[in-house]
C-alpha atoms as a PDB file:
ATOM      1  CA  MET A   1    -202.580 118.469  -1.676  1.00  0.00           C
ATOM      2  CA  PRO A   2    -203.669 121.761  -3.286  1.00  0.00           C
ATOM      3  CA  ILE A   3    -202.355 123.204  -6.517  1.00  0.00           C
ATOM      4  CA  TYR A   4    -201.063 126.775  -6.314  1.00  0.00           C
ATOM      5  CA  GLU A   5    -200.652 128.903  -9.426  1.00  0.00           C
ATOM      6  CA  TYR A   6    -197.858 131.448  -9.873  1.00  0.00           C
ATOM      7  CA  THR A   7    -196.575 134.008 -12.356  1.00  0.00           C
ATOM      8  CA  CYS A   8    -192.878 134.859 -12.544  1.00  0.00           C
ATOM      9  CA  LYS A   9    -192.292 138.623 -12.394  1.00  0.00           C
ATOM     10  CA  ASP A  10    -188.990 138.257 -14.273  1.00  0.00           C
ATOM     11  CA  CYS A  11    -189.897 136.125 -17.312  1.00  0.00           C
ATOM     12  CA  ASN A  12    -193.751 136.132 -17.107  1.00  0.00           C
ATOM     13  CA  GLU A  13    -193.900 132.317 -16.963  1.00  0.00           C
ATOM     14  CA  TYR A  14    -197.216 130.991 -15.605  1.00  0.00           C
ATOM     15  CA  PHE A  15    -196.918 127.721 -13.681  1.00  0.00           C
ATOM     16  CA  ALA A  16    -198.663 125.592 -11.073  1.00  0.00           C
ATOM     17  CA  LEU A  17    -197.201 123.599  -8.176  1.00  0.00           C
ATOM     18  CA  LEU A  18    -198.565 121.003  -5.774  1.00  0.00           C
ATOM     19  CA  GLN A  19    -197.837 122.101  -2.208  1.00  0.00           C
ATOM     20  CA  TRP A  20    -198.773 120.958   1.275  1.00  0.00           C
ATOM     21  CA  GLY A  21    -201.376 123.191   2.937  1.00  0.00           C
ATOM     22  CA  ASN A  22    -200.344 126.798   3.423  1.00  0.00           C
ATOM     23  CA  SER A  23    -196.705 125.936   2.974  1.00  0.00           C
ATOM     24  CA  GLU A  24    -194.547 129.044   3.068  1.00  0.00           C
ATOM     25  CA  GLU A  25    -191.690 127.320   1.250  1.00  0.00           C
ATOM     26  CA  GLU A  26    -189.793 129.480  -1.204  1.00  0.00           C
ATOM     27  CA  VAL A  27    -191.088 129.034  -4.756  1.00  0.00           C
ATOM     28  CA  ALA A  28    -188.858 129.339  -7.815  1.00  0.00           C
ATOM     29  CA  CYS A  29    -189.932 129.827 -11.414  1.00  0.00           C
ATOM     30  CA  THR A  30    -189.941 126.601 -13.406  1.00  0.00           C
ATOM     31  CA  ARG A  31    -188.479 128.387 -16.466  1.00  0.00           C
ATOM     32  CA  CYS A  32    -185.800 130.789 -15.216  1.00  0.00           C
ATOM     33  CA  GLY A  33    -185.363 129.793 -11.551  1.00  0.00           C
ATOM     34  CA  SER A  34    -186.182 133.285 -10.235  1.00  0.00           C
ATOM     35  CA  LYS A  35    -187.755 133.499  -6.793  1.00  0.00           C
ATOM     36  CA  ASN A  36    -189.515 136.727  -7.778  1.00  0.00           C
ATOM     37  CA  VAL A  37    -192.928 135.078  -8.229  1.00  0.00           C
ATOM     38  CA  LYS A  38    -196.509 136.071  -7.406  1.00  0.00           C
ATOM     39  CA  LYS A  39    -199.200 133.630  -6.283  1.00  0.00           C
ATOM     40  CA  GLN A  40    -202.272 133.878  -8.501  1.00  0.00           C
ATOM     41  CA  LEU A  41    -205.926 133.521  -7.596  1.00  0.00           C
ATOM     42  CA  SER A  42    -206.937 130.143  -8.973  1.00  0.00           C
ATOM     43  CA  SER A  43    -209.816 129.869 -11.426  1.00  0.00           C
ATOM     44  CA  PHE A  44    -211.631 127.527  -9.003  1.00  0.00           C
ATOM     45  CA  SER A  45    -211.712 129.970  -6.119  1.00  0.00           C
ATOM     46  CA  SER A  46    -212.508 132.963  -8.320  1.00  0.00           C
ATOM     47  CA  SER A  47    -215.438 131.231 -10.047  1.00  0.00           C
ATOM     48  CA  CYS A  48    -216.989 129.582  -6.988  1.00  0.00           C
ATOM     49  CA  SER A  49    -220.481 130.940  -6.298  1.00  0.00           C
ATOM     50  CA  SER A  50    -222.817 130.758  -3.328  1.00  0.00           C
ATOM     51  CA  ASP A  51    -225.801 129.625  -5.479  1.00  0.00           C
ATOM     52  CA  SER A  52    -225.216 126.016  -4.391  1.00  0.00           C
ATOM     53  CA  GLY A  53    -225.579 126.851  -0.699  1.00  0.00           C
ATOM     54  CA  PHE A  54    -221.835 126.662  -0.068  1.00  0.00           C
ATOM     55  CA  SER A  55    -219.344 129.474   0.088  1.00  0.00           C
ATOM     56  CA  TYR A  56    -215.589 129.427  -0.225  1.00  0.00           C
ATOM     57  CA  GLY A  57    -213.660 130.414   2.879  1.00  0.00           C
ATOM     58  CA  GLY A  58    -212.784 129.373   6.391  1.00  0.00           C
ATOM     59  CA  SER A  59    -210.027 127.022   7.466  1.00  0.00           C
ATOM     60  CA  SER A  60    -211.532 124.004   5.691  1.00  0.00           C
ATOM     61  CA  GLY A  61    -212.072 125.853   2.409  1.00  0.00           C
ATOM     62  CA  PHE A  62    -215.853 125.409   2.369  1.00  0.00           C
ATOM     63  CA  SER A  63    -218.617 126.120   4.803  1.00  0.00           C
ATOM     64  CA  GLY A  64    -222.201 124.968   4.589  1.00  0.00           C
ATOM     65  CA  GLY A  65    -224.933 127.388   3.738  1.00  0.00           C
ATOM     66  CA  GLY A  66    -228.624 127.435   4.714  1.00  0.00           C
END
């Protein structure tokens, strides 16, 4: 179960939630309850490099490199 990170546009709270797959369920801020939230790019996916022969992407999340 992946962890998705969010920022609330109303109170600027940063929080993370465990969610099933690409669940499109409505997310509410853990501080104020607002549903005006933005999904953030996680530090794992933004720091992943192709130096190891693997690249992030595709339906499984990773694909083998040469």
